[in-house]
């Protein structure tokens, strides 16, 4: 949605109520469902997730996926209007036990609402140092709004360009970890063609995942927590954190095996949670090769 139209929608919704935002956003999502060139990829994805079902069911899953994506924008709008967002968590105490001493890497996915999660993590622990790596898309108004919202919450944002990032971006992340902070990275999106990646087994096929989070863990000694923020209701979330994953250094062959095992562990847990929350998958590009 263009910035001017989004601003008009927000202004109108402020006057008449959140129901208008829900109705308009769902109509827009229906339009994307009809006309988006990414719909066939979603249908293919759900066909791999539910091979025993027919094409009509896969199309219905895709429609629910596009409709579900509107809740991300709704909850952002409610949060900006000072509506209280609540959450429960599983595994939070494991993260607290290590974050102040050596930092940790939060491995997020396009499963659930990572934007709300980052905002709430900072709100929950105001002293928490949180750095978020985000891909940069040109002329994306809603992406700029995301970043502004997060920066206002005290989250540090590093934008990763498609043409390549600066080595200093990685140095900043390692420094954050050594200072006991959290570094959030995407586990399921390869942003650049020259990006180092790992091939993992996923839904009976293979997927490519970025190698960077595991290299960060090796270099810094910080553990990885696989993190899923699922919506349990309007402005209500459930956060699920895995057990910490430590990557031990060794010789080159040992490091290769360690990274590959950790990447596959992430893929296995992602598949498990995807089956539990199939319509909160907001990865619209090809993931399974």
Protein backbone atom coordinates (compact mmCIF):
# COMPACT_ATOMS: atom_id res chain seq x y z
CA UNK A 1 0.00 0.00 0.00
CA UNK A 2 1.30 3.45 -0.92
CA UNK A 3 2.15 5.78 1.93
CA UNK A 4 -0.56 8.36 1.16
CA UNK A 5 -3.34 5.76 1.04
CA UNK A 6 -2.10 4.10 4.20
CA UNK A 7 -2.10 7.43 6.01
CA UNK A 8 -5.67 8.11 4.84
CA UNK A 9 -6.74 4.68 6.09
CA UNK A 10 -5.12 5.28 9.48
CA UNK A 11 -6.75 8.71 9.77
CA UNK A 12 -10.19 7.34 8.90
CA UNK A 13 -9.80 4.38 11.24
CA UNK A 14 -8.82 6.67 14.09
CA UNK A 15 -12.16 8.41 13.67
CA UNK A 16 -14.52 5.46 13.17
CA UNK A 17 -12.76 2.51 14.82
CA UNK A 18 -10.46 -0.42 14.13
CA UNK A 19 -13.18 -2.32 12.28
CA UNK A 20 -12.59 -0.09 9.24
CA UNK A 21 -8.90 -1.03 9.17
CA UNK A 22 -9.87 -4.72 9.32
CA UNK A 23 -12.39 -4.47 6.48
CA UNK A 24 -10.22 -2.38 4.15
CA UNK A 25 -7.04 -4.40 4.75
CA UNK A 26 -8.87 -7.66 4.11
CA UNK A 27 -10.29 -6.32 0.85
CA UNK A 28 -6.78 -5.25 -0.20
CA UNK A 29 -5.44 -8.70 0.75
CA UNK A 30 -8.16 -10.30 -1.38
CA UNK A 31 -7.01 -8.17 -4.29
CA UNK A 32 -3.43 -9.35 -3.82
CA UNK A 33 -4.71 -12.93 -3.67
CA UNK A 34 -6.37 -12.48 -7.06
CA UNK A 35 -3.63 -10.55 -8.83
CA UNK A 36 -0.28 -11.24 -7.10
CA UNK A 37 2.29 -13.15 -9.11
CA UNK A 38 3.38 -14.86 -5.86
CA UNK A 39 0.12 -16.75 -5.38
CA UNK A 40 1.28 -19.80 -7.42
CA UNK A 41 4.30 -20.10 -5.12
CA UNK A 42 2.07 -20.15 -2.04
CA UNK A 43 -0.13 -22.79 -3.66
CA UNK A 44 2.96 -24.85 -4.40
CA UNK A 45 4.12 -24.47 -0.81
CA UNK A 46 0.82 -25.66 0.66
CA UNK A 47 0.76 -28.53 -1.81
CA UNK A 48 4.06 -29.69 -0.30
CA UNK A 49 2.74 -29.14 3.23
CA UNK A 50 -0.53 -31.00 2.51
CA UNK A 51 0.23 -33.46 -0.32
CA UNK A 52 -2.82 -35.55 0.55
CA UNK A 53 -5.17 -32.60 -0.11
CA UNK A 54 -6.47 -31.32 -3.41
CA UNK A 55 -5.78 -28.14 -5.36
CA UNK A 56 -8.87 -26.36 -4.01
CA UNK A 57 -7.67 -26.86 -0.45
CA UNK A 58 -4.21 -25.50 -1.33
CA UNK A 59 -5.88 -22.44 -2.87
CA UNK A 60 -7.98 -21.98 0.29
CA UNK A 61 -4.81 -22.18 2.41
CA UNK A 62 -3.25 -19.47 0.25
CA UNK A 63 -6.31 -17.25 0.70
CA UNK A 64 -6.08 -17.67 4.48
CA UNK A 65 -2.37 -16.89 4.36
CA UNK A 66 -2.99 -13.58 2.55
CA UNK A 67 -5.85 -12.68 4.88
CA UNK A 68 -3.79 -13.57 7.95
CA UNK A 69 -1.03 -11.22 6.84
CA UNK A 70 -3.35 -8.27 7.47
CA UNK A 71 -3.15 -8.90 11.23
CA UNK A 72 0.48 -7.76 11.24
CA UNK A 73 -0.59 -4.30 10.07
CA UNK A 74 -3.64 -4.25 12.35
CA UNK A 75 -1.61 -5.01 15.45
CA UNK A 76 0.97 -2.37 14.50
CA UNK A 77 -1.85 0.17 14.13
CA UNK A 78 -3.29 -0.79 17.53
CA UNK A 79 0.15 -0.60 19.16
CA UNK A 80 0.75 2.86 17.73
CA UNK A 81 -2.58 3.92 19.21
CA UNK A 82 -1.31 2.84 22.65
CA UNK A 83 -3.48 -0.27 22.75
CA UNK A 84 -1.89 -2.72 25.17
CA UNK A 85 -0.30 -5.76 23.55
CA UNK A 86 0.11 -8.77 25.80
CA UNK A 87 2.08 -11.98 25.44
CA UNK A 88 2.94 -15.22 27.17
CA UNK A 89 6.24 -16.98 26.68
CA UNK A 90 7.78 -20.43 26.71
CA UNK A 91 11.52 -20.58 27.34
CA UNK A 92 12.02 -16.93 28.30
CA UNK A 93 13.89 -17.90 31.47
CA UNK A 94 16.48 -19.74 29.37
CA UNK A 95 17.18 -16.56 27.44
CA UNK A 96 17.41 -14.43 30.59
CA UNK A 97 19.95 -16.84 32.05
CA UNK A 98 22.53 -16.12 29.36
CA UNK A 99 21.76 -12.79 27.74
CA UNK A 100 23.48 -10.50 30.24
CA UNK A 101 26.64 -12.60 30.45
CA UNK A 102 27.41 -13.37 26.82
CA UNK A 103 24.54 -12.18 24.67
CA UNK A 104 22.43 -14.35 22.38
CA UNK A 105 21.29 -14.65 18.79
CA UNK A 106 17.55 -14.69 18.14
CA UNK A 107 16.90 -16.68 14.99
CA UNK A 108 13.56 -15.46 13.65
CA UNK A 109 11.50 -16.61 10.68
CA UNK A 110 8.69 -15.42 8.48
CA UNK A 111 6.42 -17.53 10.66
CA UNK A 112 4.46 -15.30 13.01
CA UNK A 113 4.90 -11.58 13.64
CA UNK A 114 8.58 -10.81 14.27
CA UNK A 115 7.98 -7.04 14.26
CA UNK A 116 5.61 -7.15 17.24
CA UNK A 117 7.96 -9.60 18.93
CA UNK A 118 10.92 -7.21 18.70
CA UNK A 119 8.80 -4.35 20.01
CA UNK A 120 7.50 -6.37 22.96
CA UNK A 121 10.90 -7.79 23.88
CA UNK A 122 12.23 -4.28 24.26
CA UNK A 123 9.13 -3.21 26.18
CA UNK A 124 9.41 -6.19 28.52
CA UNK A 125 13.07 -5.51 29.32
CA UNK A 126 13.76 -1.80 28.89
CA UNK A 127 17.47 -2.31 29.60
CA UNK A 128 17.73 -4.99 26.92
CA UNK A 129 20.08 -4.16 24.05
CA UNK A 130 18.47 -5.44 20.88
CA UNK A 131 19.91 -5.22 17.38
CA UNK A 132 17.83 -6.27 14.40
CA UNK A 133 19.20 -7.02 10.92
CA UNK A 134 16.59 -6.20 8.27
CA UNK A 135 16.66 -6.46 4.51
CA UNK A 136 16.15 -3.18 2.66
CA UNK A 137 13.53 -2.87 -0.07
CA UNK A 138 13.43 0.23 -2.23
CA UNK A 139 10.39 2.52 -1.96
CA UNK A 140 8.59 0.40 0.64
CA UNK A 141 6.57 2.76 2.82
CA UNK A 142 5.36 0.09 5.26
CA UNK A 143 8.91 -1.17 5.71
CA UNK A 144 10.03 2.35 6.67
CA UNK A 145 7.13 2.50 9.10
CA UNK A 146 8.24 -0.78 10.64
CA UNK A 147 11.74 0.55 11.18
CA UNK A 148 10.53 3.83 12.63
CA UNK A 149 8.27 1.98 15.06
CA UNK A 150 11.10 -0.27 16.19
CA UNK A 151 13.62 2.55 16.50
CA UNK A 152 11.17 4.48 18.67
CA UNK A 153 11.08 1.43 20.95
CA UNK A 154 14.87 1.59 21.35
CA UNK A 155 15.74 -1.21 18.90
CA UNK A 156 18.91 -0.75 16.84
CA UNK A 157 18.30 -1.45 13.13
CA UNK A 158 20.94 -2.41 10.58
CA UNK A 159 19.64 -2.43 7.02
CA UNK A 160 21.08 -5.11 4.73
CA UNK A 161 21.22 -3.98 1.11
CA UNK A 162 20.69 -6.43 -1.73
CA UNK A 163 23.89 -5.19 -3.35
CA UNK A 164 25.90 -6.22 -0.31
CA UNK A 165 26.48 -5.08 3.24
CA UNK A 166 29.41 -3.40 4.93
CA UNK A 167 31.86 -5.51 6.98
CA UNK A 168 31.24 -3.03 9.78
CA UNK A 169 27.65 -4.31 9.99
CA UNK A 170 28.97 -7.68 11.13
CA UNK A 171 31.42 -6.05 13.55
CA UNK A 172 28.54 -4.13 15.15
CA UNK A 173 26.61 -7.36 15.67
CA UNK A 174 29.56 -9.13 17.30
CA UNK A 175 30.10 -6.12 19.56
CA UNK A 176 26.45 -6.26 20.63
CA UNK A 177 26.85 -9.92 21.55
CA UNK A 178 30.03 -9.34 23.54
CA UNK A 179 28.22 -6.58 25.45
CA UNK A 180 25.46 -8.99 26.49
CA UNK A 181 22.90 -7.86 23.91
CA UNK A 182 20.51 -9.69 21.63
CA UNK A 183 21.11 -9.86 17.89
CA UNK A 184 18.09 -10.83 15.81
CA UNK A 185 18.67 -12.41 12.42
CA UNK A 186 16.43 -13.99 9.82
CA UNK A 187 16.80 -17.73 9.48
CA UNK A 188 14.71 -18.41 6.38
CA UNK A 189 15.53 -15.63 3.92
CA UNK A 190 18.57 -15.54 1.63
CA UNK A 191 18.76 -11.88 0.75
CA UNK A 192 21.57 -11.76 -1.84
CA UNK A 193 22.72 -14.14 -4.57
CA UNK A 194 26.30 -14.00 -3.27
CA UNK A 195 25.25 -14.67 0.32
CA UNK A 196 26.71 -17.77 1.97
CA UNK A 197 23.99 -20.30 2.56
CA UNK A 198 23.26 -23.85 3.66
CA UNK A 199 21.05 -26.46 2.02
CA UNK A 200 18.70 -28.19 4.48
CA UNK A 201 15.97 -30.81 4.28
CA UNK A 202 12.49 -29.30 4.56
CA UNK A 203 8.99 -30.66 3.81
CA UNK A 204 10.36 -33.56 1.80
CA UNK A 205 12.50 -31.28 -0.33
CA UNK A 206 15.40 -28.89 0.19
CA UNK A 207 15.58 -25.25 1.23
CA UNK A 208 18.37 -22.68 1.35
CA UNK A 209 19.00 -20.84 4.62
CA UNK A 210 21.59 -18.15 5.38
CA UNK A 211 24.82 -19.24 7.05
CA UNK A 212 25.47 -15.93 8.84
CA UNK A 213 23.65 -16.65 12.14
CA UNK A 214 25.71 -19.78 12.71
CA UNK A 215 28.98 -18.04 11.85
CA UNK A 216 28.09 -15.29 14.34
CA UNK A 217 27.51 -17.96 16.99
CA UNK A 218 30.86 -19.60 16.25
CA UNK A 219 32.83 -16.35 16.33
CA UNK A 220 31.16 -14.86 19.41
CA UNK A 221 30.50 -17.99 21.46
CA UNK A 222 26.91 -16.76 22.00
CA UNK A 223 24.07 -19.29 21.83
CA UNK A 224 21.30 -19.31 19.24
CA UNK A 225 17.67 -19.27 20.34
CA UNK A 226 15.15 -20.17 17.65
CA UNK A 227 12.26 -17.79 18.25
CA UNK A 228 8.62 -17.98 17.12
CA UNK A 229 6.06 -15.23 17.93
CA UNK A 230 2.55 -16.57 17.24
CA UNK A 231 -0.66 -14.58 17.39
CA UNK A 232 -3.12 -15.98 19.93
CA UNK A 233 -5.72 -13.20 19.53
CA UNK A 234 -6.09 -9.52 18.70
CA UNK A 235 -2.96 -7.88 20.12
CA UNK A 236 -2.13 -11.08 22.04
CA UNK A 237 0.89 -13.26 21.34
CA UNK A 238 2.62 -16.42 22.43
CA UNK A 239 6.42 -16.42 22.27
CA UNK A 240 8.21 -19.74 21.94
CA UNK A 241 11.98 -20.00 22.38
CA UNK A 242 13.99 -23.14 21.77
CA UNK A 243 16.68 -24.47 24.04
CA UNK A 244 19.98 -22.62 23.47
CA UNK A 245 22.11 -23.98 20.63
CA UNK A 246 25.85 -23.65 21.16
CA UNK A 247 28.24 -24.09 18.26
CA UNK A 248 31.64 -25.33 19.32
CA UNK A 249 34.78 -24.40 17.45
CA UNK A 250 37.07 -27.03 16.02
CA UNK A 251 39.03 -27.63 12.86
CA UNK A 252 37.54 -26.72 9.49
CA UNK A 253 35.72 -30.01 8.96
CA UNK A 254 34.27 -29.90 12.47
CA UNK A 255 33.06 -26.33 11.97
CA UNK A 256 31.40 -27.28 8.70
CA UNK A 257 29.60 -30.19 10.33
CA UNK A 258 28.58 -28.07 13.33
CA UNK A 259 27.10 -25.34 11.17
CA UNK A 260 25.25 -27.83 8.98
CA UNK A 261 23.81 -29.64 12.00
CA UNK A 262 22.62 -26.37 13.56
CA UNK A 263 21.03 -25.22 10.29
CA UNK A 264 19.19 -28.53 9.99
CA UNK A 265 18.06 -28.29 13.62
CA UNK A 266 16.53 -24.91 12.79
CA UNK A 267 14.82 -26.31 9.67
CA UNK A 268 13.38 -29.24 11.61
CA UNK A 269 11.91 -26.98 14.30
CA UNK A 270 10.61 -24.54 11.67
CA UNK A 271 8.79 -27.40 9.93
CA UNK A 272 7.32 -28.59 13.23
CA UNK A 273 5.97 -25.15 14.15
CA UNK A 274 4.77 -24.54 10.60
CA UNK A 275 2.55 -27.61 10.84
CA UNK A 276 1.09 -26.22 14.08
CA UNK A 277 0.58 -22.69 12.64
CA UNK A 278 0.29 -23.15 8.85
CA UNK A 279 -1.52 -19.87 8.13
CA UNK A 280 1.01 -17.66 9.90
CA UNK A 281 3.59 -18.40 7.21
CA UNK A 282 4.34 -15.00 5.64
CA UNK A 283 7.15 -16.00 3.31
CA UNK A 284 5.71 -15.29 -0.14
CA UNK A 285 8.80 -16.04 -2.25
CA UNK A 286 10.17 -19.47 -3.09
CA UNK A 287 11.67 -21.19 -0.07
CA UNK A 288 11.61 -24.89 -0.96
CA UNK A 289 13.78 -25.51 -4.01
